[in-house]
Amino acid sequence: MAALRTARFWMIGLFVIPPLVLIFFFTYYLSFQSLRLAFFEFSSGQEIGFNGLQNFRDALNAERFGPAVIVTLKIVAVVTVFQIAGGFFLAYFLVRSNKWVQNIGRVAIFIPVVLPGTVVAILWKFIYTPEGGLLNTLLEAIGLGSWAMPWLGTTETSLYASIAVNIWKYVGLTMMLFYLAMQNVSKDQLEAARVDGATARQELWYVYLPAVKPVLEINLVLTVLGSLRAFDIYNMLTNGGPVGSTTTLTKLIVDNITARNYGEGAAMSVMLFAVIALVTVLIRKSFGGEQK
């Protein structure tokens, strides 16, 4: 019996300890190191000494910091509105459709979510290609050739073209969470609303919308936080260009670290973490207050 307990103990340890070590290293240790580096001065990548809040001052006064903040806020605003609204109405369309449409639709809309960001970016680079790209070719085919342009090559369209790709990739996740919540609406509740003469709009507002309120908080947190940390798709599509029009805060942090400007990069990452924590608390408190 003792031997069996010992074997069970070591088996549990084998499966539990490695994940705990990885979580500790990548979550806590690296976060602490980032916080520590934000208060130290570096020269050519070498740590010189403690310099207080100077890295934060340098980060706030950096020429690219202000534009990167504006770009990030634009991404947060546009993605949040269109991804939440798009996911909600896609879920509403599916839940009111027959089983065949629901099964096909869920798979088709959710596929981009599981695709790697690099694959999605490469795919859409081909779609956005100015000469021979799918989008411009389609516009010319339907008589809208005057609308064809280098979508990723101008400051007017590059950011919003990249945002469209971001929404296309993640709207399936938002939709799936709304869809699962809508499926919990009882048939008796729907039938009662229809017997009372509720229109489709009233059914949407008074039956389905209250059902998804708990999920709306989760979707808002995921969408806003994902937008604040936006990097992979935007970097792969435009590398922050043209003229910095798609440079996000995360891209700026990576650029500083790549240039071995560790102190300023760490200071920016700490500020971004603080904003993410604050936004998360505000969203949760707003929904908590509403539930009370």
C-alpha atoms as a PDB file:
ATOM      1  CA  MET A   1       0.000   0.000   0.000  1.00  0.00           C
ATOM      2  CA  ALA A   2       2.842   2.396   0.895  1.00  0.00           C
ATOM      3  CA  ALA A   3       4.545   1.675  -2.420  1.00  0.00           C
ATOM      4  CA  LEU A   4       1.286   2.421  -4.258  1.00  0.00           C
ATOM      5  CA  ARG A   5       0.910   5.754  -2.439  1.00  0.00           C
ATOM      6  CA  THR A   6       4.520   6.667  -3.230  1.00  0.00           C
ATOM      7  CA  ALA A   7       4.029   5.822  -6.916  1.00  0.00           C
ATOM      8  CA  ARG A   8       0.822   7.867  -6.995  1.00  0.00           C
ATOM      9  CA  PHE A   9       2.595  10.807  -5.323  1.00  0.00           C
ATOM     10  CA  TRP A  10       5.397  10.790  -7.894  1.00  0.00           C
ATOM     11  CA  MET A  11       2.916  10.400 -10.762  1.00  0.00           C
ATOM     12  CA  ILE A  12       0.932  13.441  -9.574  1.00  0.00           C
ATOM     13  CA  GLY A  13       4.157  15.389  -9.136  1.00  0.00           C
ATOM     14  CA  LEU A  14       5.259  14.466 -12.660  1.00  0.00           C
ATOM     15  CA  PHE A  15       2.130  16.047 -14.145  1.00  0.00           C
ATOM     16  CA  VAL A  16       1.730  18.992 -11.745  1.00  0.00           C
ATOM     17  CA  ILE A  17       5.238  20.295 -11.089  1.00  0.00           C
ATOM     18  CA  PRO A  18       6.385  21.048 -14.714  1.00  0.00           C
ATOM     19  CA  PRO A  19       3.309  23.211 -15.522  1.00  0.00           C
ATOM     20  CA  LEU A  20       3.716  25.050 -12.204  1.00  0.00           C
ATOM     21  CA  VAL A  21       7.374  25.736 -12.966  1.00  0.00           C
ATOM     22  CA  LEU A  22       6.503  27.045 -16.446  1.00  0.00           C
ATOM     23  CA  ILE A  23       3.694  29.230 -15.077  1.00  0.00           C
ATOM     24  CA  PHE A  24       5.975  30.628 -12.394  1.00  0.00           C
ATOM     25  CA  PHE A  25       8.769  31.380 -14.878  1.00  0.00           C
ATOM     26  CA  PHE A  26       6.760  32.868 -17.744  1.00  0.00           C
ATOM     27  CA  THR A  27       4.125  34.639 -15.646  1.00  0.00           C
ATOM     28  CA  TYR A  28       5.621  35.717 -12.351  1.00  0.00           C
ATOM     29  CA  TYR A  29       9.402  35.714 -12.772  1.00  0.00           C
ATOM     30  CA  LEU A  30       9.411  37.466 -16.173  1.00  0.00           C
ATOM     31  CA  SER A  31       6.772  39.946 -14.991  1.00  0.00           C
ATOM     32  CA  PHE A  32       8.897  40.789 -11.962  1.00  0.00           C
ATOM     33  CA  GLN A  33      11.973  41.159 -14.178  1.00  0.00           C
ATOM     34  CA  SER A  34      10.100  43.503 -16.498  1.00  0.00           C
ATOM     35  CA  LEU A  35       9.019  45.623 -13.524  1.00  0.00           C
ATOM     36  CA  ARG A  36      12.583  45.711 -12.169  1.00  0.00           C
ATOM     37  CA  LEU A  37      14.152  46.634 -15.521  1.00  0.00           C
ATOM     38  CA  ALA A  38      11.784  49.598 -15.819  1.00  0.00           C
ATOM     39  CA  PHE A  39      13.707  51.327 -13.022  1.00  0.00           C
ATOM     40  CA  PHE A  40      17.240  50.717 -14.320  1.00  0.00           C
ATOM     41  CA  GLU A  41      19.395  52.476 -16.900  1.00  0.00           C
ATOM     42  CA  PHE A  42      20.969  50.574 -19.793  1.00  0.00           C
ATOM     43  CA  SER A  43      23.732  51.358 -22.256  1.00  0.00           C
ATOM     44  CA  SER A  44      24.269  49.126 -25.301  1.00  0.00           C
ATOM     45  CA  GLY A  45      22.132  46.501 -23.604  1.00  0.00           C
ATOM     46  CA  GLN A  46      24.205  46.515 -20.406  1.00  0.00           C
ATOM     47  CA  GLU A  47      22.641  47.413 -17.080  1.00  0.00           C
ATOM     48  CA  ILE A  48      24.307  50.506 -15.591  1.00  0.00           C
ATOM     49  CA  GLY A  49      22.328  51.301 -12.475  1.00  0.00           C
ATOM     50  CA  PHE A  50      19.106  52.438 -10.844  1.00  0.00           C
ATOM     51  CA  ASN A  51      17.573  55.568 -12.387  1.00  0.00           C
ATOM     52  CA  GLY A  52      14.168  55.833 -10.705  1.00  0.00           C
ATOM     53  CA  LEU A  53      11.314  56.985 -12.936  1.00  0.00           C
ATOM     54  CA  GLN A  54      13.505  58.285 -15.768  1.00  0.00           C
ATOM     55  CA  ASN A  55      12.575  55.414 -18.096  1.00  0.00           C
ATOM     56  CA  PHE A  56       8.892  56.270 -17.644  1.00  0.00           C
ATOM     57  CA  ARG A  57       9.575  59.934 -18.419  1.00  0.00           C
ATOM     58  CA  ASP A  58      11.567  58.957 -21.518  1.00  0.00           C
ATOM     59  CA  ALA A  59       8.804  56.616 -22.643  1.00  0.00           C
ATOM     60  CA  LEU A  60       6.103  59.268 -22.261  1.00  0.00           C
ATOM     61  CA  ASN A  61       8.230  61.854 -24.093  1.00  0.00           C
ATOM     62  CA  ALA A  62       9.256  59.498 -26.915  1.00  0.00           C
ATOM     63  CA  GLU A  63       8.326  60.797 -30.363  1.00  0.00           C
ATOM     64  CA  ARG A  64       6.525  57.582 -31.350  1.00  0.00           C
ATOM     65  CA  PHE A  65       4.677  57.065 -28.050  1.00  0.00           C
ATOM     66  CA  GLY A  66       1.789  59.486 -28.639  1.00  0.00           C
ATOM     67  CA  PRO A  67       0.955  58.237 -32.156  1.00  0.00           C
ATOM     68  CA  ALA A  68       1.196  54.613 -30.941  1.00  0.00           C
ATOM     69  CA  VAL A  69      -1.289  55.372 -28.154  1.00  0.00           C
ATOM     70  CA  ILE A  70      -3.708  56.917 -30.667  1.00  0.00           C
ATOM     71  CA  VAL A  71      -3.387  53.909 -33.002  1.00  0.00           C
ATOM     72  CA  THR A  72      -4.002  51.512 -30.105  1.00  0.00           C
ATOM     73  CA  LEU A  73      -7.066  53.454 -28.936  1.00  0.00           C
ATOM     74  CA  LYS A  74      -8.472  53.433 -32.480  1.00  0.00           C
ATOM     75  CA  ILE A  75      -8.015  49.668 -32.608  1.00  0.00           C
ATOM     76  CA  VAL A  76      -9.733  49.249 -29.232  1.00  0.00           C
ATOM     77  CA  ALA A  77     -12.701  51.429 -30.246  1.00  0.00           C
ATOM     78  CA  VAL A  78     -13.312  50.005 -33.724  1.00  0.00           C
ATOM     79  CA  VAL A  79     -12.648  46.359 -32.871  1.00  0.00           C
ATOM     80  CA  THR A  80     -14.780  46.451 -29.726  1.00  0.00           C
ATOM     81  CA  VAL A  81     -17.800  47.968 -31.472  1.00  0.00           C
ATOM     82  CA  PHE A  82     -17.747  45.841 -34.620  1.00  0.00           C
ATOM     83  CA  GLN A  83     -16.570  42.570 -33.085  1.00  0.00           C
ATOM     84  CA  ILE A  84     -19.117  42.655 -30.253  1.00  0.00           C
ATOM     85  CA  ALA A  85     -21.969  43.755 -32.536  1.00  0.00           C
ATOM     86  CA  GLY A  86     -20.935  41.357 -35.306  1.00  0.00           C
ATOM     87  CA  GLY A  87     -20.606  38.411 -32.922  1.00  0.00           C
ATOM     88  CA  PHE A  88     -23.982  39.144 -31.354  1.00  0.00           C
ATOM     89  CA  PHE A  89     -25.934  39.385 -34.615  1.00  0.00           C
ATOM     90  CA  LEU A  90     -24.166  36.355 -36.117  1.00  0.00           C
ATOM     91  CA  ALA A  91     -25.126  34.365 -33.029  1.00  0.00           C
ATOM     92  CA  TYR A  92     -28.713  35.649 -33.235  1.00  0.00           C
ATOM     93  CA  PHE A  93     -28.905  34.694 -36.918  1.00  0.00           C
ATOM     94  CA  LEU A  94     -27.589  31.186 -36.233  1.00  0.00           C
ATOM     95  CA  VAL A  95     -29.773  30.493 -33.201  1.00  0.00           C
ATOM     96  CA  ARG A  96     -32.880  31.333 -35.256  1.00  0.00           C
ATOM     97  CA  SER A  97     -31.761  29.216 -38.226  1.00  0.00           C
ATOM     98  CA  ASN A  98     -32.312  25.502 -38.824  1.00  0.00           C
ATOM     99  CA  LYS A  99     -29.855  22.921 -37.501  1.00  0.00           C
ATOM    100  CA  TRP A 100     -28.083  22.493 -40.839  1.00  0.00           C
ATOM    101  CA  VAL A 101     -27.314  26.212 -41.127  1.00  0.00           C
ATOM    102  CA  GLN A 102     -26.244  26.320 -37.482  1.00  0.00           C
ATOM    103  CA  ASN A 103     -23.780  23.449 -37.856  1.00  0.00           C
ATOM    104  CA  ILE A 104     -22.203  24.783 -41.052  1.00  0.00           C
ATOM    105  CA  GLY A 105     -22.222  28.384 -39.870  1.00  0.00           C
ATOM    106  CA  ARG A 106     -20.555  27.698 -36.508  1.00  0.00           C
ATOM    107  CA  VAL A 107     -17.700  25.804 -38.133  1.00  0.00           C
ATOM    108  CA  ALA A 108     -17.202  28.301 -40.973  1.00  0.00           C
ATOM    109  CA  ILE A 109     -17.176  31.362 -38.700  1.00  0.00           C
ATOM    110  CA  PHE A 110     -15.031  29.754 -36.001  1.00  0.00           C
ATOM    111  CA  ILE A 111     -12.282  28.392 -38.299  1.00  0.00           C
ATOM    112  CA  PRO A 112     -10.300  31.698 -38.413  1.00  0.00           C
ATOM    113  CA  VAL A 113     -10.086  31.681 -34.607  1.00  0.00           C
ATOM    114  CA  VAL A 114      -7.967  28.520 -34.563  1.00  0.00           C
ATOM    115  CA  LEU A 115      -5.706  29.635 -37.418  1.00  0.00           C
ATOM    116  CA  PRO A 116      -2.296  31.047 -36.367  1.00  0.00           C
ATOM    117  CA  GLY A 117      -2.014  34.829 -36.691  1.00  0.00           C
ATOM    118  CA  THR A 118       0.888  34.483 -39.139  1.00  0.00           C
ATOM    119  CA  VAL A 119      -1.194  32.286 -41.460  1.00  0.00           C
ATOM    120  CA  VAL A 120      -4.077  34.765 -41.336  1.00  0.00           C
ATOM    121  CA  ALA A 121      -1.737  37.686 -42.081  1.00  0.00           C
ATOM    122  CA  ILE A 122      -0.130  35.926 -45.057  1.00  0.00           C
ATOM    123  CA  LEU A 123      -3.560  34.991 -46.435  1.00  0.00           C
ATOM    124  CA  TRP A 124      -4.842  38.564 -46.210  1.00  0.00           C
ATOM    125  CA  LYS A 125      -1.647  39.995 -47.647  1.00  0.00           C
ATOM    126  CA  PHE A 126      -2.445  38.090 -50.828  1.00  0.00           C
ATOM    127  CA  ILE A 127      -6.054  39.325 -50.694  1.00  0.00           C
ATOM    128  CA  TYR A 128      -4.907  42.953 -50.275  1.00  0.00           C
ATOM    129  CA  THR A 129      -2.160  42.766 -52.939  1.00  0.00           C
ATOM    130  CA  PRO A 130      -2.594  45.879 -55.168  1.00  0.00           C
ATOM    131  CA  GLU A 131      -1.911  44.087 -58.456  1.00  0.00           C
ATOM    132  CA  GLY A 132      -3.835  40.849 -58.878  1.00  0.00           C
ATOM    133  CA  GLY A 133      -5.059  40.678 -55.293  1.00  0.00           C
ATOM    134  CA  LEU A 134      -8.455  39.094 -54.689  1.00  0.00           C
ATOM    135  CA  LEU A 135     -10.091  42.238 -53.278  1.00  0.00           C
ATOM    136  CA  ASN A 136      -9.047  44.594 -56.082  1.00  0.00           C
ATOM    137  CA  THR A 137      -9.802  41.950 -58.717  1.00  0.00           C
ATOM    138  CA  LEU A 138     -13.289  41.505 -57.276  1.00  0.00           C
ATOM    139  CA  LEU A 139     -13.899  45.258 -57.217  1.00  0.00           C
ATOM    140  CA  GLU A 140     -12.903  45.525 -60.880  1.00  0.00           C
ATOM    141  CA  ALA A 141     -15.116  42.555 -61.774  1.00  0.00           C
ATOM    142  CA  ILE A 142     -18.233  44.212 -60.319  1.00  0.00           C
ATOM    143  CA  GLY A 143     -17.519  47.591 -61.890  1.00  0.00           C
ATOM    144  CA  LEU A 144     -15.965  49.276 -58.861  1.00  0.00           C
ATOM    145  CA  GLY A 145     -12.417  49.408 -60.194  1.00  0.00           C
ATOM    146  CA  SER A 146     -12.092  53.031 -59.068  1.00  0.00           C
ATOM    147  CA  TRP A 147     -12.206  51.768 -55.475  1.00  0.00           C
ATOM    148  CA  ALA A 148      -9.170  49.518 -55.984  1.00  0.00           C
ATOM    149  CA  MET A 149      -6.102  50.716 -54.076  1.00  0.00           C
ATOM    150  CA  PRO A 150      -3.031  49.513 -52.170  1.00  0.00           C
ATOM    151  CA  TRP A 151      -5.003  48.798 -49.007  1.00  0.00           C
ATOM    152  CA  LEU A 152      -1.951  48.213 -46.821  1.00  0.00           C
ATOM    153  CA  GLY A 153       0.193  50.837 -48.526  1.00  0.00           C
ATOM    154  CA  THR A 154      -1.520  54.111 -47.631  1.00  0.00           C
ATOM    155  CA  THR A 155      -1.862  55.836 -44.271  1.00  0.00           C
ATOM    156  CA  GLU A 156      -5.590  56.343 -44.866  1.00  0.00           C
ATOM    157  CA  THR A 157      -6.494  52.659 -45.244  1.00  0.00           C
ATOM    158  CA  SER A 158      -3.701  50.529 -43.751  1.00  0.00           C
ATOM    159  CA  LEU A 159      -4.928  50.641 -40.156  1.00  0.00           C
ATOM    160  CA  TYR A 160      -8.577  49.935 -40.960  1.00  0.00           C
ATOM    161  CA  ALA A 161      -7.645  47.193 -43.434  1.00  0.00           C
ATOM    162  CA  SER A 162      -5.608  45.565 -40.664  1.00  0.00           C
ATOM    163  CA  ILE A 163      -8.445  46.007 -38.160  1.00  0.00           C
ATOM    164  CA  ALA A 164     -10.809  44.247 -40.592  1.00  0.00           C
ATOM    165  CA  VAL A 165      -8.471  41.233 -40.589  1.00  0.00           C
ATOM    166  CA  ASN A 166      -8.360  41.278 -36.779  1.00  0.00           C
ATOM    167  CA  ILE A 167     -12.165  41.285 -36.582  1.00  0.00           C
ATOM    168  CA  TRP A 168     -12.454  38.527 -39.203  1.00  0.00           C
ATOM    169  CA  LYS A 169     -10.148  36.312 -37.153  1.00  0.00           C
ATOM    170  CA  TYR A 170     -11.732  36.769 -33.725  1.00  0.00           C
ATOM    171  CA  VAL A 171     -15.409  37.488 -34.365  1.00  0.00           C
ATOM    172  CA  GLY A 172     -16.014  33.720 -34.350  1.00  0.00           C
ATOM    173  CA  LEU A 173     -14.992  33.485 -30.701  1.00  0.00           C
ATOM    174  CA  THR A 174     -17.303  36.349 -29.745  1.00  0.00           C
ATOM    175  CA  MET A 175     -20.106  34.780 -31.766  1.00  0.00           C
ATOM    176  CA  MET A 176     -19.647  31.353 -30.163  1.00  0.00           C
ATOM    177  CA  LEU A 177     -19.901  32.732 -26.622  1.00  0.00           C
ATOM    178  CA  PHE A 178     -23.063  34.680 -27.501  1.00  0.00           C
ATOM    179  CA  TYR A 179     -24.479  31.646 -29.317  1.00  0.00           C
ATOM    180  CA  LEU A 180     -24.017  29.368 -26.289  1.00  0.00           C
ATOM    181  CA  ALA A 181     -25.742  31.935 -24.080  1.00  0.00           C
ATOM    182  CA  MET A 182     -28.650  32.315 -26.513  1.00  0.00           C
ATOM    183  CA  GLN A 183     -29.123  28.558 -26.631  1.00  0.00           C
ATOM    184  CA  ASN A 184     -29.934  28.649 -22.920  1.00  0.00           C
ATOM    185  CA  VAL A 185     -33.073  30.669 -23.623  1.00  0.00           C
ATOM    186  CA  SER A 186     -35.978  28.317 -22.894  1.00  0.00           C
ATOM    187  CA  LYS A 187     -38.501  27.491 -25.574  1.00  0.00           C
ATOM    188  CA  ASP A 188     -41.297  28.249 -23.113  1.00  0.00           C
ATOM    189  CA  GLN A 189     -39.998  31.805 -22.721  1.00  0.00           C
ATOM    190  CA  LEU A 190     -39.847  32.268 -26.495  1.00  0.00           C
ATOM    191  CA  GLU A 191     -43.307  30.807 -27.021  1.00  0.00           C
ATOM    192  CA  ALA A 192     -44.738  33.026 -24.291  1.00  0.00           C
ATOM    193  CA  ALA A 193     -43.231  36.100 -25.934  1.00  0.00           C
ATOM    194  CA  ARG A 194     -44.652  35.099 -29.329  1.00  0.00           C
ATOM    195  CA  VAL A 195     -48.084  34.393 -27.870  1.00  0.00           C
ATOM    196  CA  ASP A 196     -48.033  37.901 -26.369  1.00  0.00           C
ATOM    197  CA  GLY A 197     -47.444  39.228 -29.887  1.00  0.00           C
ATOM    198  CA  ALA A 198     -43.754  40.116 -29.559  1.00  0.00           C
ATOM    199  CA  THR A 199     -42.128  41.150 -32.823  1.00  0.00           C
ATOM    200  CA  ALA A 200     -38.696  39.883 -33.875  1.00  0.00           C
ATOM    201  CA  ARG A 201     -37.167  43.138 -32.635  1.00  0.00           C
ATOM    202  CA  GLN A 202     -38.933  42.886 -29.264  1.00  0.00           C
ATOM    203  CA  GLU A 203     -37.893  39.243 -28.974  1.00  0.00           C
ATOM    204  CA  LEU A 204     -34.299  40.251 -29.613  1.00  0.00           C
ATOM    205  CA  TRP A 205     -34.403  43.114 -27.097  1.00  0.00           C
ATOM    206  CA  TYR A 206     -36.412  41.563 -24.254  1.00  0.00           C
ATOM    207  CA  VAL A 207     -35.520  37.866 -24.530  1.00  0.00           C
ATOM    208  CA  TYR A 208     -32.123  37.324 -26.155  1.00  0.00           C
ATOM    209  CA  LEU A 209     -30.314  40.469 -24.984  1.00  0.00           C
ATOM    210  CA  PRO A 210     -30.898  39.814 -21.245  1.00  0.00           C
ATOM    211  CA  ALA A 211     -29.754  36.215 -21.787  1.00  0.00           C
ATOM    212  CA  VAL A 212     -26.326  37.273 -23.073  1.00  0.00           C
ATOM    213  CA  LYS A 213     -25.533  39.959 -20.475  1.00  0.00           C
ATOM    214  CA  PRO A 214     -23.251  37.702 -18.399  1.00  0.00           C
ATOM    215  CA  VAL A 215     -21.386  36.689 -21.574  1.00  0.00           C
ATOM    216  CA  LEU A 216     -21.194  40.308 -22.738  1.00  0.00           C
ATOM    217  CA  GLU A 217     -18.832  41.074 -19.849  1.00  0.00           C
ATOM    218  CA  ILE A 218     -16.507  38.214 -20.857  1.00  0.00           C
ATOM    219  CA  ASN A 219     -16.571  39.270 -24.498  1.00  0.00           C
ATOM    220  CA  LEU A 220     -15.831  42.896 -23.601  1.00  0.00           C
ATOM    221  CA  VAL A 221     -12.853  41.929 -21.428  1.00  0.00           C
ATOM    222  CA  LEU A 222     -11.426  39.583 -24.069  1.00  0.00           C
ATOM    223  CA  THR A 223     -11.950  42.048 -26.920  1.00  0.00           C
ATOM    224  CA  VAL A 224     -10.640  45.170 -25.184  1.00  0.00           C
ATOM    225  CA  LEU A 225      -7.626  43.407 -23.680  1.00  0.00           C
ATOM    226  CA  GLY A 226      -6.821  41.700 -26.982  1.00  0.00           C
ATOM    227  CA  SER A 227      -6.995  45.070 -28.754  1.00  0.00           C
ATOM    228  CA  LEU A 228      -4.719  46.746 -26.202  1.00  0.00           C
ATOM    229  CA  ARG A 229      -2.154  43.967 -26.734  1.00  0.00           C
ATOM    230  CA  ALA A 230      -2.569  43.938 -30.525  1.00  0.00           C
ATOM    231  CA  PHE A 231       0.633  42.974 -32.284  1.00  0.00           C
ATOM    232  CA  ASP A 232       0.962  39.839 -34.408  1.00  0.00           C
ATOM    233  CA  ILE A 233      -1.517  40.506 -37.226  1.00  0.00           C
ATOM    234  CA  TYR A 234      -0.672  44.211 -37.515  1.00  0.00           C
ATOM    235  CA  ASN A 235       3.060  43.553 -37.436  1.00  0.00           C
ATOM    236  CA  MET A 236       2.862  40.801 -40.065  1.00  0.00           C
ATOM    237  CA  LEU A 237       0.632  42.848 -42.380  1.00  0.00           C
ATOM    238  CA  THR A 238       2.413  46.214 -42.278  1.00  0.00           C
ATOM    239  CA  ASN A 239       5.332  46.032 -39.806  1.00  0.00           C
ATOM    240  CA  GLY A 240       3.968  49.208 -38.231  1.00  0.00           C
ATOM    241  CA  GLY A 241       3.888  51.188 -41.464  1.00  0.00           C
ATOM    242  CA  PRO A 242       3.348  53.061 -43.580  1.00  0.00           C
ATOM    243  CA  VAL A 243       4.811  56.023 -41.667  1.00  0.00           C
ATOM    244  CA  GLY A 244       3.890  54.476 -38.320  1.00  0.00           C
ATOM    245  CA  SER A 245       0.171  54.439 -39.113  1.00  0.00           C
ATOM    246  CA  THR A 246      -0.245  50.906 -37.691  1.00  0.00           C
ATOM    247  CA  THR A 247       2.386  51.047 -34.923  1.00  0.00           C
ATOM    248  CA  THR A 248       0.728  49.875 -31.710  1.00  0.00           C
ATOM    249  CA  LEU A 249       2.034  50.166 -28.150  1.00  0.00           C
ATOM    250  CA  THR A 250       3.034  46.512 -28.208  1.00  0.00           C
ATOM    251  CA  LYS A 251       4.940  47.046 -31.455  1.00  0.00           C
ATOM    252  CA  LEU A 252       6.722  50.003 -29.845  1.00  0.00           C
ATOM    253  CA  ILE A 253       7.685  47.861 -26.843  1.00  0.00           C
ATOM    254  CA  VAL A 254       9.076  45.136 -29.107  1.00  0.00           C
ATOM    255  CA  ASP A 255      11.018  47.703 -31.152  1.00  0.00           C
ATOM    256  CA  ASN A 256      12.615  49.104 -27.988  1.00  0.00           C
ATOM    257  CA  ILE A 257      13.612  45.665 -26.760  1.00  0.00           C
ATOM    258  CA  THR A 258      14.978  44.734 -30.201  1.00  0.00           C
ATOM    259  CA  ALA A 259      17.070  47.923 -30.129  1.00  0.00           C
ATOM    260  CA  ARG A 260      18.310  46.831 -26.654  1.00  0.00           C
ATOM    261  CA  ASN A 261      16.628  49.851 -25.076  1.00  0.00           C
ATOM    262  CA  TYR A 262      15.431  47.575 -22.296  1.00  0.00           C
ATOM    263  CA  GLY A 263      14.635  50.208 -19.677  1.00  0.00           C
ATOM    264  CA  GLU A 264      12.253  52.231 -21.831  1.00  0.00           C
ATOM    265  CA  GLY A 265      10.681  49.112 -23.316  1.00  0.00           C
ATOM    266  CA  ALA A 266      10.108  47.683 -19.832  1.00  0.00           C
ATOM    267  CA  ALA A 267       8.620  50.998 -18.661  1.00  0.00           C
ATOM    268  CA  MET A 268       6.151  50.937 -21.568  1.00  0.00           C
ATOM    269  CA  SER A 269       5.196  47.330 -20.819  1.00  0.00           C
ATOM    270  CA  VAL A 270       4.563  48.203 -17.160  1.00  0.00           C
ATOM    271  CA  MET A 271       2.337  51.126 -18.182  1.00  0.00           C
ATOM    272  CA  LEU A 272       0.453  48.911 -20.630  1.00  0.00           C
ATOM    273  CA  PHE A 273      -0.037  46.279 -17.914  1.00  0.00           C
ATOM    274  CA  ALA A 274      -1.391  48.961 -15.561  1.00  0.00           C
ATOM    275  CA  VAL A 275      -3.873  50.144 -18.214  1.00  0.00           C
ATOM    276  CA  ILE A 276      -5.003  46.559 -18.903  1.00  0.00           C
ATOM    277  CA  ALA A 277      -5.513  45.915 -15.179  1.00  0.00           C
ATOM    278  CA  LEU A 278      -7.467  49.176 -14.778  1.00  0.00           C
ATOM    279  CA  VAL A 279      -9.693  48.502 -17.797  1.00  0.00           C
ATOM    280  CA  THR A 280     -10.427  44.970 -16.562  1.00  0.00           C
ATOM    281  CA  VAL A 281     -11.427  46.266 -13.116  1.00  0.00           C
ATOM    282  CA  LEU A 282     -13.628  49.008 -14.618  1.00  0.00           C
ATOM    283  CA  ILE A 283     -15.469  46.577 -16.896  1.00  0.00           C
ATOM    284  CA  ARG A 284     -16.049  44.093 -14.088  1.00  0.00           C
ATOM    285  CA  LYS A 285     -17.185  46.788 -11.674  1.00  0.00           C
ATOM    286  CA  SER A 286     -19.602  48.275 -14.212  1.00  0.00           C
ATOM    287  CA  PHE A 287     -21.252  44.893 -14.760  1.00  0.00           C
ATOM    288  CA  GLY A 288     -21.156  44.081 -11.048  1.00  0.00           C
ATOM    289  CA  GLY A 289     -22.890  47.332 -10.201  1.00  0.00           C
ATOM    290  CA  GLU A 290     -25.523  46.684 -12.849  1.00  0.00           C
ATOM    291  CA  GLN A 291     -26.242  43.202 -11.493  1.00  0.00           C
ATOM    292  CA  LYS A 292     -26.717  44.580  -7.957  1.00  0.00           C
END
